[in-house]
Amino acid sequence: MIDAIGACGSDLPVPSYHEIRVPFLNKEVQYTEKFLQDHKLQWSKHGCSIMSYAWTNQKQQCLINFLLSSPVGTIFVKSIDGSNFVKTGEKIRDA
């Protein structure tokens, strides 16, 4: 990547903070939404499985990750801090 940037020469304009924060972020959101459309279509046809797993980080916080799995692939949905409750099926379902 650095070689490719260097090949552009010193005239390559550096993006501003605003350009990185707004248009680039919006493009990435659009890309992600388009990427998820294929997955959602497959979910409606074939269904999906909700998966979760808990782990403890170096600060002794219990983090629970939620994922959706289908024949197309597995997608990360969200992560929550589960340190303040007992890890039961009902609590995980309600998260």
PDB file of N, CA and C in Angstrom:
ATOM      1  N   MET A   1       0.833  -1.178   0.000  1.00  0.00           N
ATOM      2  CA  MET A   1       0.000   0.000   0.000  1.00  0.00           C
ATOM      3  C   MET A   1       0.877   1.241   0.000  1.00  0.00           C
ATOM      4  N   ILE A   2       1.922   1.239   0.824  1.00  0.00           N
ATOM      5  CA  ILE A   2       2.804   2.399   0.902  1.00  0.00           C
ATOM      6  C   ILE A   2       3.489   2.625  -0.436  1.00  0.00           C
ATOM      7  N   ASP A   3       3.910   1.533  -1.095  1.00  0.00           N
ATOM      8  CA  ASP A   3       4.531   1.662  -2.415  1.00  0.00           C
ATOM      9  C   ASP A   3       3.553   2.263  -3.413  1.00  0.00           C
ATOM     10  N   ALA A   4       2.283   1.827  -3.350  1.00  0.00           N
ATOM     11  CA  ALA A   4       1.270   2.357  -4.267  1.00  0.00           C
ATOM     12  C   ALA A   4       1.041   3.846  -4.022  1.00  0.00           C
ATOM     13  N   ILE A   5       0.999   4.251  -2.767  1.00  0.00           N
ATOM     14  CA  ILE A   5       0.833   5.672  -2.442  1.00  0.00           C
ATOM     15  C   ILE A   5       2.046   6.455  -2.930  1.00  0.00           C
ATOM     16  N   GLY A   6       3.255   5.908  -2.698  1.00  0.00           N
ATOM     17  CA  GLY A   6       4.476   6.578  -3.142  1.00  0.00           C
ATOM     18  C   GLY A   6       4.546   6.703  -4.649  1.00  0.00           C
ATOM     19  N   ALA A   7       3.983   5.721  -5.373  1.00  0.00           N
ATOM     20  CA  ALA A   7       4.007   5.771  -6.832  1.00  0.00           C
ATOM     21  C   ALA A   7       3.161   6.918  -7.377  1.00  0.00           C
ATOM     22  N   CYS A   8       2.219   7.405  -6.586  1.00  0.00           N
ATOM     23  CA  CYS A   8       1.369   8.526  -7.013  1.00  0.00           C
ATOM     24  C   CYS A   8       2.118   9.847  -6.952  1.00  0.00           C
ATOM     25  N   GLY A   9       3.219   9.871  -6.247  1.00  0.00           N
ATOM     26  CA  GLY A   9       4.026  11.087  -6.174  1.00  0.00           C
ATOM     27  C   GLY A   9       3.574  12.012  -5.067  1.00  0.00           C
ATOM     28  N   SER A  10       4.300  13.098  -4.958  1.00  0.00           N
ATOM     29  CA  SER A  10       4.018  14.047  -3.877  1.00  0.00           C
ATOM     30  C   SER A  10       2.800  14.915  -4.155  1.00  0.00           C
ATOM     31  N   ASP A  11       2.229  14.803  -5.358  1.00  0.00           N
ATOM     32  CA  ASP A  11       1.054  15.615  -5.704  1.00  0.00           C
ATOM     33  C   ASP A  11      -0.254  14.987  -5.234  1.00  0.00           C
ATOM     34  N   LEU A  12      -0.176  13.803  -4.664  1.00  0.00           N
ATOM     35  CA  LEU A  12      -1.390  13.126  -4.196  1.00  0.00           C
ATOM     36  C   LEU A  12      -2.021  13.937  -3.070  1.00  0.00           C
ATOM     37  N   PRO A  13      -3.273  14.389  -3.264  1.00  0.00           N
ATOM     38  CA  PRO A  13      -3.904  15.184  -2.199  1.00  0.00           C
ATOM     39  C   PRO A  13      -4.240  14.319  -0.984  1.00  0.00           C
ATOM     40  N   VAL A  14      -3.984  14.835   0.183  1.00  0.00           N
ATOM     41  CA  VAL A  14      -4.297  14.144   1.423  1.00  0.00           C
ATOM     42  C   VAL A  14      -5.742  14.463   1.791  1.00  0.00           C
ATOM     43  N   PRO A  15      -6.563  13.441   2.078  1.00  0.00           N
ATOM     44  CA  PRO A  15      -7.957  13.731   2.438  1.00  0.00           C
ATOM     45  C   PRO A  15      -8.023  14.479   3.772  1.00  0.00           C
ATOM     46  N   SER A  16      -8.990  15.376   3.852  1.00  0.00           N
ATOM     47  CA  SER A  16      -9.172  16.132   5.092  1.00  0.00           C
ATOM     48  C   SER A  16      -9.895  15.261   6.121  1.00  0.00           C
ATOM     49  N   TYR A  17      -9.902  15.744   7.349  1.00  0.00           N
ATOM     50  CA  TYR A  17     -10.616  15.042   8.417  1.00  0.00           C
ATOM     51  C   TYR A  17     -12.087  14.891   8.047  1.00  0.00           C
ATOM     52  N   HIS A  18     -12.684  15.949   7.486  1.00  0.00           N
ATOM     53  CA  HIS A  18     -14.095  15.914   7.096  1.00  0.00           C
ATOM     54  C   HIS A  18     -14.330  14.873   6.002  1.00  0.00           C
ATOM     55  N   GLU A  19     -13.425  14.804   5.004  1.00  0.00           N
ATOM     56  CA  GLU A  19     -13.586  13.835   3.920  1.00  0.00           C
ATOM     57  C   GLU A  19     -13.539  12.398   4.433  1.00  0.00           C
ATOM     58  N   ILE A  20     -12.674  12.152   5.384  1.00  0.00           N
ATOM     59  CA  ILE A  20     -12.583  10.808   5.945  1.00  0.00           C
ATOM     60  C   ILE A  20     -13.806  10.508   6.798  1.00  0.00           C
ATOM     61  N   ARG A  21     -14.244  11.498   7.547  1.00  0.00           N
ATOM     62  CA  ARG A  21     -15.303  11.306   8.531  1.00  0.00           C
ATOM     63  C   ARG A  21     -16.685  11.217   7.897  1.00  0.00           C
ATOM     64  N   VAL A  22     -16.949  11.990   6.849  1.00  0.00           N
ATOM     65  CA  VAL A  22     -18.313  12.037   6.304  1.00  0.00           C
ATOM     66  C   VAL A  22     -18.449  11.231   5.009  1.00  0.00           C
ATOM     67  N   PRO A  23     -17.895  11.682   3.875  1.00  0.00           N
ATOM     68  CA  PRO A  23     -18.146  10.931   2.631  1.00  0.00           C
ATOM     69  C   PRO A  23     -17.575   9.510   2.642  1.00  0.00           C
ATOM     70  N   PHE A  24     -16.360   9.322   3.156  1.00  0.00           N
ATOM     71  CA  PHE A  24     -15.779   7.986   3.178  1.00  0.00           C
ATOM     72  C   PHE A  24     -16.591   7.064   4.082  1.00  0.00           C
ATOM     73  N   LEU A  25     -17.026   7.574   5.216  1.00  0.00           N
ATOM     74  CA  LEU A  25     -17.836   6.774   6.127  1.00  0.00           C
ATOM     75  C   LEU A  25     -19.173   6.426   5.479  1.00  0.00           C
ATOM     76  N   ASN A  26     -19.801   7.397   4.808  1.00  0.00           N
ATOM     77  CA  ASN A  26     -21.077   7.132   4.131  1.00  0.00           C
ATOM     78  C   ASN A  26     -20.921   6.076   3.041  1.00  0.00           C
ATOM     79  N   LYS A  27     -19.817   6.130   2.287  1.00  0.00           N
ATOM     80  CA  LYS A  27     -19.560   5.123   1.259  1.00  0.00           C
ATOM     81  C   LYS A  27     -19.412   3.735   1.882  1.00  0.00           C
ATOM     82  N   GLU A  28     -18.749   3.670   3.014  1.00  0.00           N
ATOM     83  CA  GLU A  28     -18.544   2.385   3.687  1.00  0.00           C
ATOM     84  C   GLU A  28     -19.867   1.838   4.220  1.00  0.00           C
ATOM     85  N   VAL A  29     -20.722   2.720   4.736  1.00  0.00           N
ATOM     86  CA  VAL A  29     -22.045   2.300   5.215  1.00  0.00           C
ATOM     87  C   VAL A  29     -22.866   1.747   4.048  1.00  0.00           C
ATOM     88  N   GLN A  30     -22.842   2.440   2.902  1.00  0.00           N
ATOM     89  CA  GLN A  30     -23.569   1.966   1.721  1.00  0.00           C
ATOM     90  C   GLN A  30     -23.039   0.613   1.257  1.00  0.00           C
ATOM     91  N   TYR A  31     -21.722   0.453   1.263  1.00  0.00           N
ATOM     92  CA  TYR A  31     -21.114  -0.822   0.869  1.00  0.00           C
ATOM     93  C   TYR A  31     -21.569  -1.949   1.806  1.00  0.00           C
ATOM     94  N   THR A  32     -21.569  -1.671   3.095  1.00  0.00           N
ATOM     95  CA  THR A  32     -21.967  -2.684   4.078  1.00  0.00           C
ATOM     96  C   THR A  32     -23.434  -3.048   3.913  1.00  0.00           C
ATOM     97  N   GLU A  33     -24.292  -2.054   3.697  1.00  0.00           N
ATOM     98  CA  GLU A  33     -25.717  -2.331   3.506  1.00  0.00           C
ATOM     99  C   GLU A  33     -25.947  -3.180   2.253  1.00  0.00           C
ATOM    100  N   LYS A  34     -25.232  -2.874   1.171  1.00  0.00           N
ATOM    101  CA  LYS A  34     -25.348  -3.670  -0.053  1.00  0.00           C
ATOM    102  C   LYS A  34     -24.855  -5.094   0.192  1.00  0.00           C
ATOM    103  N   PHE A  35     -23.755  -5.216   0.910  1.00  0.00           N
ATOM    104  CA  PHE A  35     -23.202  -6.535   1.240  1.00  0.00           C
ATOM    105  C   PHE A  35     -24.211  -7.357   2.037  1.00  0.00           C
ATOM    106  N   LEU A  36     -24.913  -6.718   2.984  1.00  0.00           N
ATOM    107  CA  LEU A  36     -25.875  -7.429   3.830  1.00  0.00           C
ATOM    108  C   LEU A  36     -27.147  -7.812   3.090  1.00  0.00           C
ATOM    109  N   GLN A  37     -27.479  -7.116   1.992  1.00  0.00           N
ATOM    110  CA  GLN A  37     -28.697  -7.437   1.241  1.00  0.00           C
ATOM    111  C   GLN A  37     -28.681  -8.888   0.769  1.00  0.00           C
ATOM    112  N   ASP A  38     -27.541  -9.342   0.258  1.00  0.00           N
ATOM    113  CA  ASP A  38     -27.439 -10.740  -0.199  1.00  0.00           C
ATOM    114  C   ASP A  38     -27.648 -11.709   0.959  1.00  0.00           C
ATOM    115  N   HIS A  39     -27.074 -11.384   2.098  1.00  0.00           N
ATOM    116  CA  HIS A  39     -27.227 -12.247   3.268  1.00  0.00           C
ATOM    117  C   HIS A  39     -28.681 -12.278   3.720  1.00  0.00           C
ATOM    118  N   LYS A  40     -29.316 -11.119   3.774  1.00  0.00           N
ATOM    119  CA  LYS A  40     -30.714 -11.061   4.223  1.00  0.00           C
ATOM    120  C   LYS A  40     -31.629 -11.829   3.284  1.00  0.00           C
ATOM    121  N   LEU A  41     -31.350 -11.780   1.990  1.00  0.00           N
ATOM    122  CA  LEU A  41     -32.136 -12.539   1.024  1.00  0.00           C
ATOM    123  C   LEU A  41     -31.998 -14.039   1.303  1.00  0.00           C
ATOM    124  N   GLN A  42     -30.793 -14.487   1.568  1.00  0.00           N
ATOM    125  CA  GLN A  42     -30.569 -15.897   1.884  1.00  0.00           C
ATOM    126  C   GLN A  42     -31.223 -16.283   3.213  1.00  0.00           C
ATOM    127  N   TRP A  43     -31.199 -15.359   4.183  1.00  0.00           N
ATOM    128  CA  TRP A  43     -31.840 -15.643   5.474  1.00  0.00           C
ATOM    129  C   TRP A  43     -33.331 -15.897   5.274  1.00  0.00           C
ATOM    130  N   SER A  44     -33.980 -15.094   4.409  1.00  0.00           N
ATOM    131  CA  SER A  44     -35.420 -15.267   4.198  1.00  0.00           C
ATOM    132  C   SER A  44     -35.716 -16.569   3.462  1.00  0.00           C
ATOM    133  N   LYS A  45     -34.786 -17.036   2.625  1.00  0.00           N
ATOM    134  CA  LYS A  45     -34.999 -18.285   1.890  1.00  0.00           C
ATOM    135  C   LYS A  45     -34.657 -19.517   2.717  1.00  0.00           C
ATOM    136  N   HIS A  46     -33.505 -19.471   3.407  1.00  0.00           N
ATOM    137  CA  HIS A  46     -32.981 -20.674   4.056  1.00  0.00           C
ATOM    138  C   HIS A  46     -32.925 -20.589   5.578  1.00  0.00           C
ATOM    139  N   GLY A  47     -33.205 -19.419   6.129  1.00  0.00           N
ATOM    140  CA  GLY A  47     -33.106 -19.244   7.570  1.00  0.00           C
ATOM    141  C   GLY A  47     -31.667 -18.992   7.999  1.00  0.00           C
ATOM    142  N   CYS A  48     -31.503 -18.757   9.285  1.00  0.00           N
ATOM    143  CA  CYS A  48     -30.168 -18.519   9.822  1.00  0.00           C
ATOM    144  C   CYS A  48     -30.146 -18.964  11.281  1.00  0.00           C
ATOM    145  N   SER A  49     -28.961 -19.113  11.802  1.00  0.00           N
ATOM    146  CA  SER A  49     -28.777 -19.497  13.200  1.00  0.00           C
ATOM    147  C   SER A  49     -28.188 -18.325  13.959  1.00  0.00           C
ATOM    148  N   ILE A  50     -28.718 -18.076  15.155  1.00  0.00           N
ATOM    149  CA  ILE A  50     -28.165 -17.049  16.020  1.00  0.00           C
ATOM    150  C   ILE A  50     -27.141 -17.717  16.922  1.00  0.00           C
ATOM    151  N   MET A  51     -25.945 -17.186  16.916  1.00  0.00           N
ATOM    152  CA  MET A  51     -24.885 -17.769  17.735  1.00  0.00           C
ATOM    153  C   MET A  51     -24.383 -16.709  18.711  1.00  0.00           C
ATOM    154  N   SER A  52     -23.938 -17.158  19.867  1.00  0.00           N
ATOM    155  CA  SER A  52     -23.327 -16.238  20.821  1.00  0.00           C
ATOM    156  C   SER A  52     -22.206 -16.962  21.544  1.00  0.00           C
ATOM    157  N   TYR A  53     -21.238 -16.194  21.956  1.00  0.00           N
ATOM    158  CA  TYR A  53     -20.194 -16.746  22.813  1.00  0.00           C
ATOM    159  C   TYR A  53     -19.687 -15.653  23.728  1.00  0.00           C
ATOM    160  N   ALA A  54     -19.305 -16.049  24.917  1.00  0.00           N
ATOM    161  CA  ALA A  54     -18.823 -15.095  25.920  1.00  0.00           C
ATOM    162  C   ALA A  54     -17.341 -15.333  26.165  1.00  0.00           C
ATOM    163  N   TRP A  55     -16.658 -14.261  26.469  1.00  0.00           N
ATOM    164  CA  TRP A  55     -15.246 -14.349  26.812  1.00  0.00           C
ATOM    165  C   TRP A  55     -14.910 -13.219  27.770  1.00  0.00           C
ATOM    166  N   THR A  56     -13.825 -13.355  28.463  1.00  0.00           N
ATOM    167  CA  THR A  56     -13.406 -12.348  29.439  1.00  0.00           C
ATOM    168  C   THR A  56     -12.130 -11.689  28.939  1.00  0.00           C
ATOM    169  N   ASN A  57     -12.142 -10.353  28.913  1.00  0.00           N
ATOM    170  CA  ASN A  57     -10.950  -9.644  28.433  1.00  0.00           C
ATOM    171  C   ASN A  57      -9.949  -9.450  29.573  1.00  0.00           C
ATOM    172  N   GLN A  58      -8.867  -8.743  29.287  1.00  0.00           N
ATOM    173  CA  GLN A  58      -7.811  -8.554  30.282  1.00  0.00           C
ATOM    174  C   GLN A  58      -8.262  -7.721  31.472  1.00  0.00           C
ATOM    175  N   LYS A  59      -9.333  -6.926  31.293  1.00  0.00           N
ATOM    176  CA  LYS A  59      -9.864  -6.120  32.398  1.00  0.00           C
ATOM    177  C   LYS A  59     -10.922  -6.883  33.187  1.00  0.00           C
ATOM    178  N   GLN A  60     -11.033  -8.182  32.929  1.00  0.00           N
ATOM    179  CA  GLN A  60     -12.000  -9.069  33.590  1.00  0.00           C
ATOM    180  C   GLN A  60     -13.450  -8.688  33.290  1.00  0.00           C
ATOM    181  N   GLN A  61     -13.702  -8.084  32.138  1.00  0.00           N
ATOM    182  CA  GLN A  61     -15.059  -7.806  31.691  1.00  0.00           C
ATOM    183  C   GLN A  61     -15.542  -9.003  30.880  1.00  0.00           C
ATOM    184  N   CYS A  62     -16.765  -9.395  31.119  1.00  0.00           N
ATOM    185  CA  CYS A  62     -17.363 -10.475  30.343  1.00  0.00           C
ATOM    186  C   CYS A  62     -18.018  -9.861  29.107  1.00  0.00           C
ATOM    187  N   LEU A  63     -17.538 -10.210  27.935  1.00  0.00           N
ATOM    188  CA  LEU A  63     -18.102  -9.700  26.686  1.00  0.00           C
ATOM    189  C   LEU A  63     -18.806 -10.839  25.966  1.00  0.00           C
ATOM    190  N   ILE A  64     -19.993 -10.542  25.451  1.00  0.00           N
ATOM    191  CA  ILE A  64     -20.770 -11.542  24.729  1.00  0.00           C
ATOM    192  C   ILE A  64     -20.939 -11.053  23.296  1.00  0.00           C
ATOM    193  N   ASN A  65     -20.490 -11.861  22.341  1.00  0.00           N
ATOM    194  CA  ASN A  65     -20.625 -11.543  20.923  1.00  0.00           C
ATOM    195  C   ASN A  65     -21.803 -12.302  20.338  1.00  0.00           C
ATOM    196  N   PHE A  66     -22.553 -11.633  19.465  1.00  0.00           N
ATOM    197  CA  PHE A  66     -23.687 -12.236  18.783  1.00  0.00           C
ATOM    198  C   PHE A  66     -23.410 -12.249  17.288  1.00  0.00           C
ATOM    199  N   LEU A  67     -23.678 -13.394  16.656  1.00  0.00           N
ATOM    200  CA  LEU A  67     -23.443 -13.567  15.228  1.00  0.00           C
ATOM    201  C   LEU A  67     -24.636 -14.260  14.594  1.00  0.00           C
ATOM    202  N   LEU A  68     -24.811 -14.063  13.288  1.00  0.00           N
ATOM    203  CA  LEU A  68     -25.820 -14.785  12.522  1.00  0.00           C
ATOM    204  C   LEU A  68     -25.086 -15.637  11.496  1.00  0.00           C
ATOM    205  N   SER A  69     -25.458 -16.905  11.411  1.00  0.00           N
ATOM    206  CA  SER A  69     -24.801 -17.820  10.490  1.00  0.00           C
ATOM    207  C   SER A  69     -25.823 -18.386   9.515  1.00  0.00           C
ATOM    208  N   SER A  70     -25.432 -18.450   8.254  1.00  0.00           N
ATOM    209  CA  SER A  70     -26.272 -19.025   7.208  1.00  0.00           C
ATOM    210  C   SER A  70     -25.358 -19.680   6.182  1.00  0.00           C
ATOM    211  N   PRO A  71     -25.931 -20.326   5.168  1.00  0.00           N
ATOM    212  CA  PRO A  71     -25.086 -20.936   4.142  1.00  0.00           C
ATOM    213  C   PRO A  71     -24.178 -19.924   3.424  1.00  0.00           C
ATOM    214  N   VAL A  72     -24.551 -18.666   3.411  1.00  0.00           N
ATOM    215  CA  VAL A  72     -23.748 -17.630   2.743  1.00  0.00           C
ATOM    216  C   VAL A  72     -22.520 -17.272   3.568  1.00  0.00           C
ATOM    217  N   GLY A  73     -22.636 -17.340   4.876  1.00  0.00           N
ATOM    218  CA  GLY A  73     -21.519 -17.005   5.752  1.00  0.00           C
ATOM    219  C   GLY A  73     -22.007 -16.568   7.119  1.00  0.00           C
ATOM    220  N   THR A  74     -21.082 -16.122   7.935  1.00  0.00           N
ATOM    221  CA  THR A  74     -21.385 -15.678   9.293  1.00  0.00           C
ATOM    222  C   THR A  74     -21.138 -14.187   9.401  1.00  0.00           C
ATOM    223  N   ILE A  75     -22.088 -13.483  10.027  1.00  0.00           N
ATOM    224  CA  ILE A  75     -22.029 -12.029  10.164  1.00  0.00           C
ATOM    225  C   ILE A  75     -22.038 -11.671  11.645  1.00  0.00           C
ATOM    226  N   PHE A  76     -21.124 -10.807  12.043  1.00  0.00           N
ATOM    227  CA  PHE A  76     -21.114 -10.266  13.402  1.00  0.00           C
ATOM    228  C   PHE A  76     -22.268  -9.277  13.529  1.00  0.00           C
ATOM    229  N   VAL A  77     -23.055  -9.380  14.608  1.00  0.00           N
ATOM    230  CA  VAL A  77     -24.195  -8.488  14.820  1.00  0.00           C
ATOM    231  C   VAL A  77     -23.861  -7.430  15.861  1.00  0.00           C
ATOM    232  N   LYS A  78     -23.494  -7.875  17.068  1.00  0.00           N
ATOM    233  CA  LYS A  78     -23.147  -6.910  18.108  1.00  0.00           C
ATOM    234  C   LYS A  78     -22.437  -7.611  19.246  1.00  0.00           C
ATOM    235  N   SER A  79     -21.880  -6.791  20.104  1.00  0.00           N
ATOM    236  CA  SER A  79     -21.198  -7.279  21.292  1.00  0.00           C
ATOM    237  C   SER A  79     -21.729  -6.498  22.475  1.00  0.00           C
ATOM    238  N   ILE A  80     -21.944  -7.168  23.594  1.00  0.00           N
ATOM    239  CA  ILE A  80     -22.421  -6.464  24.793  1.00  0.00           C
ATOM    240  C   ILE A  80     -21.526  -6.813  25.974  1.00  0.00           C
ATOM    241  N   ASP A  81     -21.509  -5.921  26.951  1.00  0.00           N
ATOM    242  CA  ASP A  81     -20.789  -6.165  28.198  1.00  0.00           C
ATOM    243  C   ASP A  81     -21.739  -6.915  29.125  1.00  0.00           C
ATOM    244  N   GLY A  82     -21.433  -8.165  29.398  1.00  0.00           N
ATOM    245  CA  GLY A  82     -22.294  -8.992  30.235  1.00  0.00           C
ATOM    246  C   GLY A  82     -21.784  -9.139  31.654  1.00  0.00           C
ATOM    247  N   SER A  83     -20.917  -8.223  32.077  1.00  0.00           N
ATOM    248  CA  SER A  83     -20.302  -8.340  33.404  1.00  0.00           C
ATOM    249  C   SER A  83     -21.296  -8.197  34.543  1.00  0.00           C
ATOM    250  N   ASN A  84     -22.383  -7.486  34.324  1.00  0.00           N
ATOM    251  CA  ASN A  84     -23.300  -7.168  35.413  1.00  0.00           C
ATOM    252  C   ASN A  84     -24.478  -8.112  35.549  1.00  0.00           C
ATOM    253  N   PHE A  85     -24.509  -9.212  34.802  1.00  0.00           N
ATOM    254  CA  PHE A  85     -25.601 -10.155  34.999  1.00  0.00           C
ATOM    255  C   PHE A  85     -25.114 -11.591  34.847  1.00  0.00           C
ATOM    256  N   VAL A  86     -25.890 -12.469  35.409  1.00  0.00           N
ATOM    257  CA  VAL A  86     -25.593 -13.894  35.328  1.00  0.00           C
ATOM    258  C   VAL A  86     -25.887 -14.343  33.895  1.00  0.00           C
ATOM    259  N   LYS A  87     -25.034 -15.153  33.342  1.00  0.00           N
ATOM    260  CA  LYS A  87     -25.176 -15.592  31.954  1.00  0.00           C
ATOM    261  C   LYS A  87     -26.142 -16.774  31.859  1.00  0.00           C
ATOM    262  N   THR A  88     -27.413 -16.463  31.767  1.00  0.00           N
ATOM    263  CA  THR A  88     -28.424 -17.493  31.575  1.00  0.00           C
ATOM    264  C   THR A  88     -28.977 -17.359  30.163  1.00  0.00           C
ATOM    265  N   GLY A  89     -29.665 -18.383  29.704  1.00  0.00           N
ATOM    266  CA  GLY A  89     -30.266 -18.334  28.375  1.00  0.00           C
ATOM    267  C   GLY A  89     -31.233 -17.179  28.222  1.00  0.00           C
ATOM    268  N   GLU A  90     -32.006 -16.891  29.278  1.00  0.00           N
ATOM    269  CA  GLU A  90     -32.982 -15.801  29.210  1.00  0.00           C
ATOM    270  C   GLU A  90     -32.275 -14.444  29.076  1.00  0.00           C
ATOM    271  N   LYS A  91     -31.221 -14.239  29.805  1.00  0.00           N
ATOM    272  CA  LYS A  91     -30.497 -12.964  29.727  1.00  0.00           C
ATOM    273  C   LYS A  91     -29.866 -12.778  28.354  1.00  0.00           C
ATOM    274  N   ILE A  92     -29.296 -13.837  27.819  1.00  0.00           N
ATOM    275  CA  ILE A  92     -28.691 -13.746  26.484  1.00  0.00           C
ATOM    276  C   ILE A  92     -29.762 -13.468  25.440  1.00  0.00           C
ATOM    277  N   ARG A  93     -30.918 -14.142  25.547  1.00  0.00           N
ATOM    278  CA  ARG A  93     -32.013 -13.917  24.606  1.00  0.00           C
ATOM    279  C   ARG A  93     -32.479 -12.481  24.650  1.00  0.00           C
ATOM    280  N   ASP A  94     -32.575 -11.893  25.840  1.00  0.00           N
ATOM    281  CA  ASP A  94     -33.076 -10.529  25.987  1.00  0.00           C
ATOM    282  C   ASP A  94     -32.065  -9.470  25.573  1.00  0.00           C
ATOM    283  N   ALA A  95     -30.790  -9.833  25.445  1.00  0.00           N
ATOM    284  CA  ALA A  95     -29.762  -8.864  25.057  1.00  0.00           C
ATOM    285  C   ALA A  95     -29.998  -8.451  23.634  1.00  0.00           C
TER     286      ALA A  95
END
